[in-house]
Amino acid sequence: MSGSLKEVTLFGTLAAGLFHSAVTVFIIRYFDYDFDTESLTRGSQVWIALGSFFLGSVPMYLYLTYGTISPILVVTSCWFLVVRTEIRRGPGEPFGTLYLGLWPIVVALSIGAFWLEYILIS
């Protein structure tokens, strides 16, 4: 990988992670989740911040490095599922809370989709 390609990959990965983090803040503010940031522990805040960053950056890194689109599709599908569920939600735990709290599962699913796509295109 050439020097400029590494820079593009790094910039794209960071930009995607920051963009997803900004979208996460928008979701929390727009849907007015029952929790406020003051009631979250510092560890929970760090967990959600890391998760929202990794949910954006890992699929983008895999796309920029290997040219696979499936990890982005997995995360995007989960994000749209969150928005759809939040718009129609009734009483109970918001799906977005699960998406942000259990983000390693979504990242693992996107890596699994990458692995399958990479095997198929190789």
Protein backbone atom coordinates (compact mmCIF):
# COMPACT_ATOMS: atom_id res chain seq x y z
CA MET A 1 0.00 0.00 0.00
CA SER A 2 1.47 3.33 -1.01
CA GLY A 3 1.85 6.25 1.37
CA SER A 4 -1.01 8.29 -0.10
CA LEU A 5 -3.33 5.26 -0.06
CA LYS A 6 -2.55 4.72 3.63
CA GLU A 7 -3.40 8.37 4.31
CA VAL A 8 -6.70 8.06 2.44
CA THR A 9 -7.53 4.90 4.36
CA LEU A 10 -6.70 6.52 7.69
CA PHE A 11 -8.63 9.70 6.89
CA GLY A 12 -11.64 7.79 5.56
CA THR A 13 -11.70 5.50 8.58
CA LEU A 14 -11.50 8.39 11.04
CA ALA A 15 -14.08 10.43 9.11
CA ALA A 16 -16.54 7.53 9.04
CA GLY A 17 -16.10 6.92 12.77
CA LEU A 18 -16.65 10.59 13.60
CA PHE A 19 -19.63 10.80 11.24
CA HIS A 20 -21.28 7.80 12.88
CA SER A 21 -20.61 9.33 16.30
CA ALA A 22 -22.33 12.54 15.19
CA VAL A 23 -25.30 10.53 13.89
CA THR A 24 -25.46 8.72 17.24
CA VAL A 25 -25.70 12.03 19.09
CA PHE A 26 -28.45 13.07 16.68
CA ILE A 27 -30.39 9.85 17.34
CA ILE A 28 -30.11 10.28 21.10
CA ARG A 29 -31.23 13.92 20.93
CA TYR A 30 -33.93 13.49 18.27
CA PHE A 31 -35.66 10.47 19.81
CA ASP A 32 -35.24 11.90 23.30
CA TYR A 33 -34.08 8.72 24.95
CA ASP A 34 -35.14 8.19 28.54
CA PHE A 35 -31.57 8.41 29.77
CA ASP A 36 -29.65 11.62 29.97
CA THR A 37 -25.88 11.81 29.85
CA GLU A 38 -25.72 12.99 33.46
CA SER A 39 -27.27 9.74 34.71
CA LEU A 40 -24.81 7.58 32.76
CA THR A 41 -21.63 6.53 34.45
CA ARG A 42 -18.35 7.62 32.91
CA GLY A 43 -17.76 4.04 31.80
CA SER A 44 -21.12 3.92 30.00
CA GLN A 45 -20.37 7.19 28.24
CA VAL A 46 -16.98 5.88 27.08
CA TRP A 47 -18.58 2.58 25.99
CA ILE A 48 -21.19 4.37 23.85
CA ALA A 49 -18.61 6.79 22.41
CA LEU A 50 -16.23 3.96 21.48
CA GLY A 51 -19.08 1.93 20.07
CA SER A 52 -20.43 4.68 17.89
CA PHE A 53 -16.92 5.36 16.57
CA PHE A 54 -16.15 1.69 15.87
CA LEU A 55 -19.54 1.12 14.22
CA GLY A 56 -18.53 3.72 11.64
CA SER A 57 -14.80 3.16 11.33
CA VAL A 58 -14.46 -0.65 11.16
CA PRO A 59 -16.72 -1.14 8.10
CA MET A 60 -15.11 1.81 6.34
CA TYR A 61 -11.62 0.48 7.02
CA LEU A 62 -12.59 -2.90 5.57
CA TYR A 63 -14.08 -1.19 2.52
CA LEU A 64 -11.09 1.04 1.88
CA THR A 65 -8.54 -1.72 2.48
CA TYR A 66 -10.22 -4.73 0.85
CA GLY A 67 -13.00 -3.23 -1.27
CA THR A 68 -15.81 -5.09 0.50
CA ILE A 69 -19.17 -3.40 0.86
CA SER A 70 -21.02 -5.92 3.06
CA PRO A 71 -19.77 -4.55 6.43
CA ILE A 72 -21.14 -1.12 5.54
CA LEU A 73 -24.45 -2.69 4.51
CA VAL A 74 -24.73 -4.57 7.82
CA VAL A 75 -24.18 -1.44 9.94
CA THR A 76 -26.40 0.69 7.70
CA SER A 77 -29.18 -1.90 7.87
CA CYS A 78 -28.96 -1.99 11.66
CA TRP A 79 -29.02 1.81 11.79
CA PHE A 80 -32.14 1.99 9.62
CA LEU A 81 -33.73 -0.70 11.78
CA VAL A 82 -33.05 1.52 14.80
CA VAL A 83 -34.68 4.53 13.13
CA ARG A 84 -37.68 2.50 11.94
CA THR A 85 -38.15 0.93 15.36
CA GLU A 86 -37.80 4.25 17.17
CA ILE A 87 -40.39 5.92 14.96
CA ARG A 88 -42.95 3.17 15.64
CA ARG A 89 -41.96 2.28 19.18
CA GLY A 90 -44.32 1.85 22.03
CA PRO A 91 -43.48 1.28 25.66
CA GLY A 92 -40.36 -0.70 26.44
CA GLU A 93 -36.64 -0.59 25.85
CA PRO A 94 -35.70 1.44 22.79
CA PHE A 95 -33.87 -0.63 20.16
CA GLY A 96 -31.32 2.17 19.81
CA THR A 97 -30.21 1.58 23.38
CA LEU A 98 -29.49 -2.04 22.51
CA TYR A 99 -27.71 -0.98 19.30
CA LEU A 100 -25.43 1.37 21.22
CA GLY A 101 -24.95 -0.87 24.24
CA LEU A 102 -24.34 -4.09 22.35
CA TRP A 103 -22.30 -2.58 19.54
CA PRO A 104 -19.65 -5.35 19.60
CA ILE A 105 -22.29 -7.75 18.23
CA VAL A 106 -23.00 -5.45 15.28
CA VAL A 107 -19.26 -5.01 14.65
CA ALA A 108 -18.80 -8.79 14.81
CA LEU A 109 -21.65 -9.27 12.34
CA SER A 110 -20.05 -6.77 9.96
CA ILE A 111 -16.68 -8.54 10.26
CA GLY A 112 -18.43 -11.87 9.60
CA ALA A 113 -20.08 -10.39 6.50
CA PHE A 114 -16.66 -9.09 5.41
CA TRP A 115 -15.13 -12.52 5.86
CA LEU A 116 -17.83 -14.17 3.74
CA GLU A 117 -17.61 -11.54 1.01
CA TYR A 118 -13.82 -11.66 0.97
CA ILE A 119 -13.86 -15.45 0.55
CA LEU A 120 -16.43 -15.21 -2.25
CA ILE A 121 -14.56 -12.52 -4.22
CA SER A 122 -11.11 -14.09 -3.77
